């Protein structure tokens, strides 16, 4: 930045250049003979003395042919007398502070690919819900590319996929791996399960969930045991244990004993023993006596041990 003055001219001229050398001739004649200015080049300058004073726009943006640098100028930046007039407050402690703000366009374009230069976009909240289960449910519902059919006891057929069945159940895997009837006919007859239970079994195999498991838990416990699906059995055990009452305790005890549901068996046995008077009047107790007499013996032994402890004291 250069300030040039002449005793013959009452104004100080301000020029701004990239060069560290003053222009060879900082006058109107010199700058008017140079390369035409680019109107996109803008430079504003002001004297700073606690606040903006003497704000002006520097014209130019011309290119000095000797230095190839850009030059801004204003031949009437500030009057001599105004600069040294204390009332104008342009000098602060006898110092002159000039601030410039420059906007220059160049033909040498550089492109910087950096996220810091991108405008900040509002955050978009995306749906992060897991879709694997719903995608497999769609495959089950449409039967797309199915290669086997599961046939329920009432004759209703459900298209399925041997690969998925084999991954989820080692019983199905063995069935389709060996030269068995099901592999040859591409049909699996499930004569002991209703169509509703077969459909729920398939939903669990494909999605790991059963919407109406609370109402089908006893039947699905049987299905989970038959096809060796431990997680399905565990879910059924939890549902049945939470639903225990005097009407179903003996029946649930029997089912747990038949299908090896150890947690449900323990809970149902304790409930049956502590509510034996009421449980003995149910149909489930009659079934338990016929199909699992050893389970009835366990309960009677529990009662005998209890009585022995009470009478021994």
Protein backbone atom coordinates (compact mmCIF):
# COMPACT_ATOMS: atom_id res chain seq x y z
CA UNK A 1 0.00 0.00 0.00
CA UNK A 2 1.32 3.43 -0.95
CA UNK A 3 0.26 6.99 -0.14
CA UNK A 4 1.45 9.60 -2.66
CA UNK A 5 1.04 13.33 -2.39
CA UNK A 6 2.15 16.44 -4.17
CA UNK A 7 2.34 20.00 -2.90
CA UNK A 8 0.67 21.02 -6.13
CA UNK A 9 -2.30 18.75 -5.50
CA UNK A 10 -4.39 19.01 -2.31
CA UNK A 11 -5.22 15.29 -2.19
CA UNK A 12 -3.32 12.22 -1.06
CA UNK A 13 -3.47 9.38 -3.57
CA UNK A 14 -3.84 5.82 -2.22
CA UNK A 15 -2.65 2.89 -4.29
CA UNK A 16 -2.66 -0.82 -3.41
CA UNK A 17 -0.50 -3.37 -5.20
CA UNK A 18 0.77 -6.90 -4.76
CA UNK A 19 4.27 -5.64 -5.36
CA UNK A 20 6.55 -4.57 -2.54
CA UNK A 21 7.79 -1.76 -4.79
CA UNK A 22 5.84 1.46 -5.37
CA UNK A 23 4.34 1.95 -8.82
CA UNK A 24 6.70 3.70 -11.20
CA UNK A 25 4.19 6.50 -11.68
CA UNK A 26 1.27 6.70 -9.30
CA UNK A 27 -0.80 9.22 -11.17
CA UNK A 28 -3.92 9.32 -13.19
CA UNK A 29 -2.06 9.43 -16.48
CA UNK A 30 -0.13 6.28 -15.57
CA UNK A 31 -3.03 4.18 -14.45
CA UNK A 32 -5.31 5.28 -17.27
CA UNK A 33 -2.83 3.93 -19.82
CA UNK A 34 -2.72 0.45 -18.39
CA UNK A 35 -4.76 -2.65 -19.13
CA UNK A 36 -8.50 -1.92 -18.71
CA UNK A 37 -9.92 -2.62 -15.30
CA UNK A 38 -12.08 -5.63 -14.50
CA UNK A 39 -15.33 -4.42 -12.88
CA UNK A 40 -15.41 -7.54 -10.74
CA UNK A 41 -12.31 -6.32 -8.86
CA UNK A 42 -13.42 -4.40 -5.77
CA UNK A 43 -11.38 -2.69 -3.08
CA UNK A 44 -12.76 -0.60 -0.24
CA UNK A 45 -10.48 1.42 2.05
CA UNK A 46 -10.95 3.55 5.12
CA UNK A 47 -8.96 5.34 7.80
CA UNK A 48 -9.46 3.66 11.13
CA UNK A 49 -9.21 5.72 14.31
CA UNK A 50 -11.62 4.01 16.66
CA UNK A 51 -14.32 3.99 13.99
CA UNK A 52 -14.50 3.95 10.22
CA UNK A 53 -13.60 7.32 8.78
CA UNK A 54 -13.18 8.49 5.23
CA UNK A 55 -14.57 5.36 3.66
CA UNK A 56 -14.06 5.17 -0.08
CA UNK A 57 -13.97 2.72 -2.92
CA UNK A 58 -10.77 2.25 -4.84
CA UNK A 59 -11.26 1.86 -8.53
CA UNK A 60 -8.89 -0.06 -10.70
CA UNK A 61 -7.88 -3.64 -10.44
CA UNK A 62 -5.64 -2.85 -13.38
CA UNK A 63 -2.60 -4.98 -14.18
CA UNK A 64 0.78 -3.28 -14.00
CA UNK A 65 2.67 -4.39 -17.14
CA UNK A 66 6.02 -4.09 -15.34
CA UNK A 67 5.14 -6.30 -12.38
CA UNK A 68 2.08 -8.28 -13.65
CA UNK A 69 0.47 -7.35 -10.35
CA UNK A 70 -2.98 -5.98 -9.73
CA UNK A 71 -3.21 -2.33 -8.80
CA UNK A 72 -5.98 -0.38 -7.12
CA UNK A 73 -5.90 3.36 -6.73
CA UNK A 74 -7.81 6.44 -5.67
CA UNK A 75 -6.19 9.74 -6.57
CA UNK A 76 -8.41 11.66 -4.13
CA UNK A 77 -8.27 9.51 -1.02
CA UNK A 78 -8.02 12.25 1.62
CA UNK A 79 -7.19 15.97 1.68
CA UNK A 80 -3.91 17.10 3.22
CA UNK A 81 -5.55 19.57 5.54
CA UNK A 82 -8.22 17.12 6.69
CA UNK A 83 -5.62 14.52 7.56
CA UNK A 84 -3.72 16.89 9.87
CA UNK A 85 -6.75 18.62 11.27
CA UNK A 86 -7.09 17.36 14.84
CA UNK A 87 -10.82 17.92 14.82
CA UNK A 88 -11.21 15.37 12.04
CA UNK A 89 -9.67 12.69 14.32
CA UNK A 90 -8.11 10.85 11.40
CA UNK A 91 -4.76 10.44 13.17
CA UNK A 92 -4.53 8.54 16.43
CA UNK A 93 -1.34 9.22 18.43
CA UNK A 94 0.14 10.65 15.23
CA UNK A 95 -0.39 7.34 13.48
CA UNK A 96 -2.42 6.78 10.33
CA UNK A 97 -4.21 3.41 10.10
CA UNK A 98 -5.71 2.43 6.77
CA UNK A 99 -7.80 -0.71 6.39
CA UNK A 100 -8.50 -2.26 2.99
CA UNK A 101 -10.87 -5.02 1.94
CA UNK A 102 -10.08 -6.53 -1.44
CA UNK A 103 -12.00 -8.86 -3.75
CA UNK A 104 -9.98 -9.86 -6.83
CA UNK A 105 -10.85 -12.33 -9.59
CA UNK A 106 -8.14 -14.12 -11.51
CA UNK A 107 -8.14 -16.15 -14.71
CA UNK A 108 -6.01 -18.79 -13.05
CA UNK A 109 -8.74 -21.00 -11.62
CA UNK A 110 -7.95 -23.50 -8.90
CA UNK A 111 -10.48 -26.00 -7.72
CA UNK A 112 -10.18 -27.32 -4.18
CA UNK A 113 -12.30 -30.38 -3.46
CA UNK A 114 -12.77 -30.17 0.30
CA UNK A 115 -15.87 -30.59 2.44
CA UNK A 116 -14.94 -27.42 4.34
CA UNK A 117 -15.92 -25.39 1.29
CA UNK A 118 -19.29 -27.06 0.87
CA UNK A 119 -22.33 -25.27 2.30
CA UNK A 120 -23.63 -26.91 5.42
CA UNK A 121 -26.77 -28.86 4.60
CA UNK A 122 -29.48 -29.58 7.14
CA UNK A 123 -29.19 -32.98 8.73
CA UNK A 124 -31.49 -35.61 7.31
CA UNK A 125 -32.79 -38.26 9.65
CA UNK A 126 -32.94 -41.57 7.85
CA UNK A 127 -34.99 -44.56 8.83
CA UNK A 128 -32.58 -46.92 10.57
CA UNK A 129 -35.05 -49.67 11.24
CA UNK A 130 -33.68 -53.13 10.50
CA UNK A 131 -35.42 -54.50 7.40
CA UNK A 132 -33.98 -58.03 7.21
CA UNK A 133 -36.97 -59.53 9.00
CA UNK A 134 -39.52 -57.70 6.87
CA UNK A 135 -37.63 -58.61 3.69
CA UNK A 136 -37.68 -62.31 4.59
CA UNK A 137 -41.35 -62.01 5.55
CA UNK A 138 -42.06 -60.67 2.07
CA UNK A 139 -40.22 -63.62 0.53
CA UNK A 140 -42.30 -65.99 2.66
CA UNK A 141 -45.59 -64.27 1.80
CA UNK A 142 -44.93 -64.12 -1.94
CA UNK A 143 -43.35 -67.57 -2.20
CA UNK A 144 -40.84 -66.12 -4.64
CA UNK A 145 -38.29 -68.72 -5.82
CA UNK A 146 -39.69 -71.34 -3.41
CA UNK A 147 -38.55 -74.93 -3.96
CA UNK A 148 -40.52 -76.90 -1.35
CA UNK A 149 -44.03 -76.93 0.16
CA UNK A 150 -44.99 -77.55 3.77
CA UNK A 151 -48.41 -79.22 4.04
CA UNK A 152 -50.40 -78.81 7.27
CA UNK A 153 -52.76 -81.37 8.78
CA UNK A 154 -55.75 -79.77 7.06
CA UNK A 155 -54.08 -79.98 3.63
CA UNK A 156 -53.12 -76.31 3.28
CA UNK A 157 -49.78 -75.84 1.54
CA UNK A 158 -47.14 -73.22 2.32
CA UNK A 159 -44.36 -72.50 -0.21
CA UNK A 160 -40.92 -72.30 1.41
CA UNK A 161 -37.19 -72.41 0.68
CA UNK A 162 -35.04 -75.40 1.56
CA UNK A 163 -31.98 -73.23 2.14
CA UNK A 164 -33.68 -71.08 4.79
CA UNK A 165 -35.35 -74.07 6.46
CA UNK A 166 -32.03 -75.93 6.58
CA UNK A 167 -30.16 -72.98 8.09
CA UNK A 168 -32.74 -72.54 10.86
CA UNK A 169 -33.36 -76.23 11.67
CA UNK A 170 -30.94 -79.14 11.59
CA UNK A 171 -33.94 -81.46 11.29
CA UNK A 172 -34.96 -79.83 8.02
CA UNK A 173 -31.30 -79.78 6.96
CA UNK A 174 -30.99 -83.55 7.42
CA UNK A 175 -34.30 -84.09 5.65
CA UNK A 176 -33.20 -82.21 2.51
CA UNK A 177 -29.62 -83.45 2.55
CA UNK A 178 -30.43 -87.15 2.46
CA UNK A 179 -32.36 -88.93 -0.25
CA UNK A 180 -35.62 -88.87 1.68
CA UNK A 181 -39.19 -88.71 0.44
CA UNK A 182 -39.46 -85.01 1.24
CA UNK A 183 -36.44 -84.20 -0.91
CA UNK A 184 -37.71 -86.24 -3.83
CA UNK A 185 -41.28 -84.91 -3.78
CA UNK A 186 -40.32 -81.40 -2.60
CA UNK A 187 -43.14 -81.64 -0.05
CA UNK A 188 -43.09 -81.95 3.74
CA UNK A 189 -46.28 -83.32 5.26
CA UNK A 190 -46.80 -82.09 8.84
CA UNK A 191 -49.82 -84.13 9.93
CA UNK A 192 -49.66 -83.12 13.61
CA UNK A 193 -49.73 -79.32 13.14
CA UNK A 194 -52.64 -77.17 11.98
CA UNK A 195 -52.23 -74.66 9.16
CA UNK A 196 -52.21 -71.77 11.66
CA UNK A 197 -49.36 -73.34 13.62
CA UNK A 198 -47.41 -74.21 10.45
CA UNK A 199 -47.78 -70.61 9.25
CA UNK A 200 -46.56 -69.28 12.62
CA UNK A 201 -43.67 -71.76 12.60
CA UNK A 202 -42.59 -70.50 9.19
CA UNK A 203 -42.90 -66.87 10.30
CA UNK A 204 -40.54 -67.57 13.16
CA UNK A 205 -38.10 -69.42 10.92
CA UNK A 206 -38.02 -66.51 8.47
CA UNK A 207 -38.30 -63.51 10.81
CA UNK A 208 -37.43 -64.78 14.32
CA UNK A 209 -40.79 -63.45 15.52
CA UNK A 210 -44.35 -64.77 15.93
CA UNK A 211 -47.09 -62.11 16.26
CA UNK A 212 -49.66 -64.42 17.94
CA UNK A 213 -47.24 -66.54 19.97
CA UNK A 214 -49.26 -66.03 23.19
CA UNK A 215 -52.24 -67.95 21.82
CA UNK A 216 -50.20 -70.65 20.05
CA UNK A 217 -47.42 -71.22 22.58
CA UNK A 218 -48.33 -74.84 23.52
CA UNK A 219 -48.54 -75.94 19.86
CA UNK A 220 -45.40 -74.01 18.90
CA UNK A 221 -43.53 -75.57 21.83
CA UNK A 222 -44.26 -78.92 20.22
CA UNK A 223 -43.17 -77.65 16.79
CA UNK A 224 -39.97 -76.14 18.19
CA UNK A 225 -39.11 -79.47 19.81
CA UNK A 226 -39.94 -81.49 16.69
CA UNK A 227 -37.72 -79.39 14.41
CA UNK A 228 -35.10 -78.59 17.07
CA UNK A 229 -35.49 -74.79 17.20
CA UNK A 230 -34.31 -73.94 20.76
CA UNK A 231 -35.07 -70.24 20.64
CA UNK A 232 -38.69 -70.83 19.64
CA UNK A 233 -39.03 -73.28 22.53
CA UNK A 234 -37.54 -70.77 24.96
CA UNK A 235 -39.97 -68.06 23.90
CA UNK A 236 -42.89 -70.47 24.29
CA UNK A 237 -41.67 -71.48 27.75
CA UNK A 238 -41.55 -67.86 28.87
CA UNK A 239 -45.06 -67.15 27.58
CA UNK A 240 -46.55 -70.29 29.14
CA UNK A 241 -44.81 -69.74 32.48
CA UNK A 242 -46.25 -66.25 32.73
CA UNK A 243 -49.73 -67.63 31.95
CA UNK A 244 -49.81 -70.42 34.55
CA UNK A 245 -53.06 -70.95 36.49
CA UNK A 246 -54.88 -73.82 38.18
CA UNK A 247 -56.66 -74.76 34.94
CA UNK A 248 -53.56 -75.21 32.77
CA UNK A 249 -50.79 -75.98 35.28
CA UNK A 250 -50.99 -79.79 34.97
CA UNK A 251 -51.27 -79.62 31.17
CA UNK A 252 -48.26 -77.29 30.91
CA UNK A 253 -46.37 -79.58 33.28
CA UNK A 254 -47.11 -82.49 30.95
CA UNK A 255 -46.05 -80.58 27.81
CA UNK A 256 -42.84 -79.42 29.46
CA UNK A 257 -42.07 -83.01 30.47
CA UNK A 258 -42.76 -84.37 26.98
CA UNK A 259 -40.71 -81.75 25.09
CA UNK A 260 -37.82 -81.29 27.51
CA UNK A 261 -38.69 -77.68 28.42
CA UNK A 262 -36.73 -77.71 31.68
CA UNK A 263 -37.48 -74.19 32.89
CA UNK A 264 -41.21 -74.48 32.26
CA UNK A 265 -41.25 -77.96 33.85
CA UNK A 266 -39.69 -76.66 37.06
CA UNK A 267 -42.11 -73.73 37.35
CA UNK A 268 -45.21 -75.77 36.40
CA UNK A 269 -44.27 -78.52 38.85
CA UNK A 270 -43.92 -76.04 41.72
CA UNK A 271 -47.23 -74.37 40.84
CA UNK A 272 -49.06 -77.72 40.58
CA UNK A 273 -47.69 -78.91 43.91
CA UNK A 274 -48.60 -75.74 45.80
CA UNK A 275 -52.11 -75.64 44.24
CA UNK A 276 -52.66 -79.40 44.10
CA UNK A 277 -56.16 -79.42 45.60
CA UNK A 278 -57.54 -77.27 42.76
CA UNK A 279 -55.32 -78.67 40.00
CA UNK A 280 -56.46 -82.27 40.69
CA UNK A 281 -59.95 -81.37 39.51
CA UNK A 282 -58.82 -80.39 35.96
CA UNK A 283 -58.66 -82.39 32.74
CA UNK A 284 -54.95 -81.63 32.58
CA UNK A 285 -54.39 -83.61 35.76
CA UNK A 286 -56.14 -86.62 34.29
CA UNK A 287 -53.92 -86.42 31.19
CA UNK A 288 -50.84 -86.08 33.37
CA UNK A 289 -51.76 -89.24 35.30
CA UNK A 290 -52.24 -91.22 32.08
CA UNK A 291 -49.34 -89.95 29.94
CA UNK A 292 -46.74 -89.10 32.57
CA UNK A 293 -47.35 -91.07 35.77
CA UNK A 294 -43.73 -90.49 36.78
CA UNK A 295 -44.50 -86.77 36.92
CA UNK A 296 -47.44 -87.43 39.26
CA UNK A 297 -45.11 -89.54 41.43
CA UNK A 298 -42.71 -86.60 41.65
CA UNK A 299 -45.47 -84.36 42.94
CA UNK A 300 -46.65 -86.96 45.47
CA UNK A 301 -43.08 -87.44 46.65
CA UNK A 302 -42.75 -83.67 47.06
CA UNK A 303 -45.89 -83.65 49.19
CA UNK A 304 -44.66 -86.63 51.26
CA UNK A 305 -41.34 -84.91 51.95
CA UNK A 306 -43.16 -81.79 53.03
CA UNK A 307 -45.42 -83.71 55.40
CA UNK A 308 -42.43 -85.55 56.84
CA UNK A 309 -40.70 -82.25 57.59
CA UNK A 310 -43.81 -80.88 59.25
CA UNK A 311 -44.47 -83.95 61.41
CA UNK A 312 -40.85 -84.52 62.40
CA UNK A 313 -40.79 -81.22 64.24
